N, C-alpha and C. Protein backbone atom coordinates (compact mmCIF):
# COMPACT_ATOMS: atom_id res chain seq x y z
N UNK A 1 54.39 -144.30 -152.92
CA UNK A 1 53.40 -143.25 -153.07
C UNK A 1 53.51 -142.24 -151.94
N UNK A 2 53.74 -142.73 -150.73
CA UNK A 2 53.88 -141.82 -149.59
C UNK A 2 55.07 -140.90 -149.74
N UNK A 3 56.14 -141.42 -150.33
CA UNK A 3 57.34 -140.61 -150.54
C UNK A 3 57.03 -139.44 -151.46
N UNK A 4 56.35 -139.72 -152.57
CA UNK A 4 56.00 -138.66 -153.52
C UNK A 4 55.07 -137.65 -152.87
N UNK A 5 54.08 -138.15 -152.15
CA UNK A 5 53.13 -137.25 -151.50
C UNK A 5 53.83 -136.39 -150.44
N UNK A 6 54.71 -137.01 -149.69
CA UNK A 6 55.42 -136.28 -148.64
C UNK A 6 56.30 -135.18 -149.19
N UNK A 7 56.85 -135.41 -150.36
CA UNK A 7 57.75 -134.43 -150.95
C UNK A 7 57.02 -133.34 -151.73
N UNK A 8 55.81 -133.65 -152.21
CA UNK A 8 55.12 -132.69 -153.07
C UNK A 8 53.78 -132.23 -152.53
N UNK A 9 53.41 -132.65 -151.35
CA UNK A 9 52.10 -132.31 -150.81
C UNK A 9 51.95 -130.84 -150.46
N UNK A 10 50.77 -130.49 -150.02
CA UNK A 10 50.47 -129.10 -149.68
C UNK A 10 51.33 -128.61 -148.51
N UNK A 11 51.77 -129.51 -147.67
CA UNK A 11 52.61 -129.12 -146.54
C UNK A 11 53.95 -128.56 -147.01
N UNK A 12 54.32 -128.88 -148.23
CA UNK A 12 55.59 -128.37 -148.76
C UNK A 12 55.58 -126.84 -148.79
N UNK A 13 54.43 -126.25 -148.95
CA UNK A 13 54.35 -124.79 -148.93
C UNK A 13 54.75 -124.25 -147.56
N UNK A 14 54.37 -124.96 -146.51
CA UNK A 14 54.72 -124.53 -145.16
C UNK A 14 56.20 -124.74 -144.85
N UNK A 15 56.80 -125.72 -145.48
CA UNK A 15 58.21 -125.97 -145.20
C UNK A 15 59.10 -124.95 -145.90
N UNK A 16 58.62 -124.31 -146.93
CA UNK A 16 59.43 -123.32 -147.64
C UNK A 16 59.68 -122.09 -146.76
N UNK A 17 58.71 -121.70 -145.97
CA UNK A 17 58.85 -120.49 -145.16
C UNK A 17 60.03 -120.55 -144.19
N UNK A 18 60.11 -121.56 -143.31
CA UNK A 18 61.27 -121.59 -142.41
C UNK A 18 62.58 -121.82 -143.16
N UNK A 19 62.52 -122.58 -144.25
CA UNK A 19 63.75 -122.86 -145.00
C UNK A 19 64.32 -121.60 -145.63
N UNK A 20 63.49 -120.65 -145.99
CA UNK A 20 63.99 -119.44 -146.63
C UNK A 20 64.61 -118.46 -145.65
N UNK A 21 64.25 -118.56 -144.38
CA UNK A 21 64.80 -117.61 -143.40
C UNK A 21 65.89 -118.23 -142.53
N UNK A 22 66.21 -119.49 -142.77
CA UNK A 22 67.27 -120.14 -142.00
C UNK A 22 68.61 -119.54 -142.37
N UNK A 23 69.56 -119.67 -141.43
CA UNK A 23 70.86 -119.04 -141.59
C UNK A 23 71.72 -119.60 -142.71
N UNK A 24 72.12 -120.84 -142.60
CA UNK A 24 73.10 -121.37 -143.54
C UNK A 24 72.47 -122.38 -144.50
N UNK A 25 73.22 -122.72 -145.53
CA UNK A 25 72.75 -123.73 -146.49
C UNK A 25 72.60 -125.09 -145.80
N UNK A 26 73.48 -125.38 -144.85
CA UNK A 26 73.40 -126.64 -144.12
C UNK A 26 72.12 -126.70 -143.29
N UNK A 27 71.76 -125.60 -142.64
CA UNK A 27 70.52 -125.56 -141.87
C UNK A 27 69.32 -125.80 -142.77
N UNK A 28 69.30 -125.18 -143.92
CA UNK A 28 68.19 -125.35 -144.87
C UNK A 28 68.11 -126.80 -145.35
N UNK A 29 69.26 -127.39 -145.69
CA UNK A 29 69.29 -128.77 -146.17
C UNK A 29 68.81 -129.74 -145.08
N UNK A 30 69.26 -129.53 -143.85
CA UNK A 30 68.82 -130.38 -142.75
C UNK A 30 67.33 -130.25 -142.50
N UNK A 31 66.83 -129.03 -142.56
CA UNK A 31 65.40 -128.80 -142.35
C UNK A 31 64.57 -129.50 -143.43
N UNK A 32 64.95 -129.29 -144.68
CA UNK A 32 64.20 -129.89 -145.79
C UNK A 32 64.28 -131.42 -145.75
N UNK A 33 65.46 -131.94 -145.47
CA UNK A 33 65.61 -133.39 -145.38
C UNK A 33 64.82 -133.98 -144.22
N UNK A 34 64.88 -133.33 -143.07
CA UNK A 34 64.13 -133.80 -141.92
C UNK A 34 62.63 -133.76 -142.15
N UNK A 35 62.17 -132.70 -142.78
CA UNK A 35 60.75 -132.59 -143.08
C UNK A 35 60.31 -133.70 -144.03
N UNK A 36 61.09 -133.92 -145.08
CA UNK A 36 60.74 -134.95 -146.07
C UNK A 36 60.70 -136.33 -145.44
N UNK A 37 61.72 -136.66 -144.68
CA UNK A 37 61.77 -137.98 -144.04
C UNK A 37 60.67 -138.11 -142.99
N UNK A 38 60.48 -137.08 -142.19
CA UNK A 38 59.46 -137.13 -141.14
C UNK A 38 58.05 -137.28 -141.69
N UNK A 39 57.73 -136.52 -142.72
CA UNK A 39 56.37 -136.62 -143.27
C UNK A 39 56.15 -137.97 -143.94
N UNK A 40 57.17 -138.49 -144.60
CA UNK A 40 57.05 -139.80 -145.24
C UNK A 40 56.87 -140.90 -144.19
N UNK A 41 57.66 -140.86 -143.12
CA UNK A 41 57.52 -141.86 -142.06
C UNK A 41 56.16 -141.76 -141.36
N UNK A 42 55.67 -140.55 -141.16
CA UNK A 42 54.37 -140.37 -140.53
C UNK A 42 53.26 -140.96 -141.39
N UNK A 43 53.33 -140.74 -142.69
CA UNK A 43 52.31 -141.30 -143.58
C UNK A 43 52.40 -142.82 -143.63
N UNK A 44 53.63 -143.35 -143.63
CA UNK A 44 53.80 -144.81 -143.63
C UNK A 44 53.24 -145.42 -142.34
N UNK A 45 53.48 -144.78 -141.22
CA UNK A 45 52.96 -145.28 -139.94
C UNK A 45 51.43 -145.25 -139.91
N UNK A 46 50.85 -144.18 -140.41
CA UNK A 46 49.39 -144.09 -140.45
C UNK A 46 48.81 -145.18 -141.36
N UNK A 47 49.42 -145.38 -142.51
CA UNK A 47 48.95 -146.41 -143.43
C UNK A 47 49.07 -147.79 -142.80
N UNK A 48 50.18 -148.06 -142.13
CA UNK A 48 50.35 -149.35 -141.46
C UNK A 48 49.31 -149.54 -140.37
N UNK A 49 49.02 -148.48 -139.62
CA UNK A 49 48.00 -148.57 -138.58
C UNK A 49 46.62 -148.86 -139.15
N UNK A 50 46.28 -148.19 -140.22
CA UNK A 50 44.98 -148.43 -140.86
C UNK A 50 44.90 -149.84 -141.40
N UNK A 51 45.98 -150.32 -142.02
CA UNK A 51 46.00 -151.68 -142.57
C UNK A 51 45.86 -152.72 -141.46
N UNK A 52 46.56 -152.51 -140.35
CA UNK A 52 46.48 -153.44 -139.23
C UNK A 52 45.06 -153.48 -138.66
N UNK A 53 44.47 -152.30 -138.49
CA UNK A 53 43.10 -152.22 -137.99
C UNK A 53 42.13 -152.92 -138.94
N UNK A 54 42.29 -152.68 -140.24
CA UNK A 54 41.39 -153.28 -141.23
C UNK A 54 41.50 -154.80 -141.22
N UNK A 55 42.72 -155.31 -141.13
CA UNK A 55 42.91 -156.76 -141.11
C UNK A 55 42.36 -157.37 -139.82
N UNK A 56 42.56 -156.70 -138.71
CA UNK A 56 42.07 -157.22 -137.42
C UNK A 56 40.55 -157.25 -137.38
N UNK A 57 39.93 -156.27 -137.99
CA UNK A 57 38.46 -156.21 -138.00
C UNK A 57 37.85 -157.08 -139.08
N UNK A 58 38.66 -157.56 -140.02
CA UNK A 58 38.16 -158.41 -141.09
C UNK A 58 37.20 -157.68 -142.02
N UNK A 59 37.57 -156.47 -142.40
CA UNK A 59 36.70 -155.69 -143.28
C UNK A 59 36.55 -156.37 -144.64
N UNK A 60 35.38 -156.28 -145.20
CA UNK A 60 35.10 -156.94 -146.46
C UNK A 60 35.83 -156.27 -147.61
N UNK A 61 35.98 -157.00 -148.69
CA UNK A 61 36.64 -156.46 -149.89
C UNK A 61 35.82 -155.31 -150.48
N UNK A 62 34.51 -155.41 -150.38
CA UNK A 62 33.65 -154.35 -150.90
C UNK A 62 33.89 -153.05 -150.14
N UNK A 63 33.92 -153.12 -148.83
CA UNK A 63 34.16 -151.94 -148.02
C UNK A 63 35.57 -151.40 -148.25
N UNK A 64 36.53 -152.31 -148.36
CA UNK A 64 37.91 -151.90 -148.60
C UNK A 64 38.06 -151.18 -149.93
N UNK A 65 37.24 -151.50 -150.90
CA UNK A 65 37.28 -150.83 -152.21
C UNK A 65 36.57 -149.48 -152.15
N UNK A 66 35.55 -149.37 -151.30
CA UNK A 66 34.77 -148.13 -151.25
C UNK A 66 35.45 -147.03 -150.44
N UNK A 67 36.23 -147.37 -149.45
CA UNK A 67 36.87 -146.36 -148.60
C UNK A 67 37.81 -145.46 -149.41
N UNK A 68 38.71 -146.01 -150.24
CA UNK A 68 39.56 -145.10 -151.04
C UNK A 68 38.76 -144.24 -152.01
N UNK A 69 37.70 -144.79 -152.55
CA UNK A 69 36.86 -144.00 -153.47
C UNK A 69 36.20 -142.84 -152.73
N UNK A 70 35.70 -143.11 -151.55
CA UNK A 70 35.08 -142.06 -150.75
C UNK A 70 36.10 -141.00 -150.37
N UNK A 71 37.29 -141.43 -149.94
CA UNK A 71 38.34 -140.49 -149.57
C UNK A 71 38.76 -139.64 -150.78
N UNK A 72 38.83 -140.26 -151.94
CA UNK A 72 39.18 -139.51 -153.16
C UNK A 72 38.11 -138.47 -153.49
N UNK A 73 36.86 -138.88 -153.40
CA UNK A 73 35.77 -137.96 -153.70
C UNK A 73 35.77 -136.78 -152.72
N UNK A 74 35.98 -137.07 -151.45
CA UNK A 74 36.02 -135.99 -150.46
C UNK A 74 37.21 -135.06 -150.69
N UNK A 75 38.33 -135.62 -151.12
CA UNK A 75 39.51 -134.79 -151.42
C UNK A 75 39.23 -133.85 -152.59
N UNK A 76 38.55 -134.36 -153.59
CA UNK A 76 38.21 -133.52 -154.75
C UNK A 76 37.25 -132.41 -154.33
N UNK A 77 36.26 -132.75 -153.53
CA UNK A 77 35.29 -131.74 -153.06
C UNK A 77 36.00 -130.68 -152.22
N UNK A 78 36.83 -131.10 -151.29
CA UNK A 78 37.54 -130.15 -150.43
C UNK A 78 38.50 -129.28 -151.24
N UNK A 79 39.26 -129.89 -152.13
CA UNK A 79 40.17 -129.12 -152.97
C UNK A 79 39.43 -128.12 -153.85
N UNK A 80 38.31 -128.54 -154.39
CA UNK A 80 37.50 -127.62 -155.22
C UNK A 80 36.98 -126.46 -154.39
N UNK A 81 36.53 -126.75 -153.18
CA UNK A 81 36.02 -125.68 -152.30
C UNK A 81 37.13 -124.69 -151.98
N UNK A 82 38.34 -125.20 -151.71
CA UNK A 82 39.46 -124.30 -151.42
C UNK A 82 39.81 -123.44 -152.64
N UNK A 83 39.76 -124.04 -153.82
CA UNK A 83 40.08 -123.28 -155.02
C UNK A 83 39.04 -122.19 -155.26
N UNK A 84 37.77 -122.53 -155.10
CA UNK A 84 36.71 -121.54 -155.30
C UNK A 84 36.82 -120.45 -154.24
N UNK A 85 37.13 -120.83 -153.02
CA UNK A 85 37.26 -119.86 -151.93
C UNK A 85 38.42 -118.91 -152.10
N UNK A 86 39.44 -119.33 -152.87
CA UNK A 86 40.60 -118.46 -153.05
C UNK A 86 40.43 -117.47 -154.19
N UNK A 87 39.36 -117.59 -154.93
CA UNK A 87 39.14 -116.68 -156.06
C UNK A 87 38.68 -115.32 -155.60
């Protein structure tokens, strides 16, 4: 999941700008590849850190189920606000 998100996330818009003004095709390929790998590794590290913290603290199954739901709801609210703000 992190791989897909890293390759298609909103940050991809920011990676297009430097890639379009780079000199050679090799520079562009290295930039895009580095960005994809770096963002995927960063998300994997963050997820591993959160999982380690959750296991160490012994968070309940109920709380563990509610956190992704809350994060999803906040993402929808934030995305909707950005869309309305861009109109």
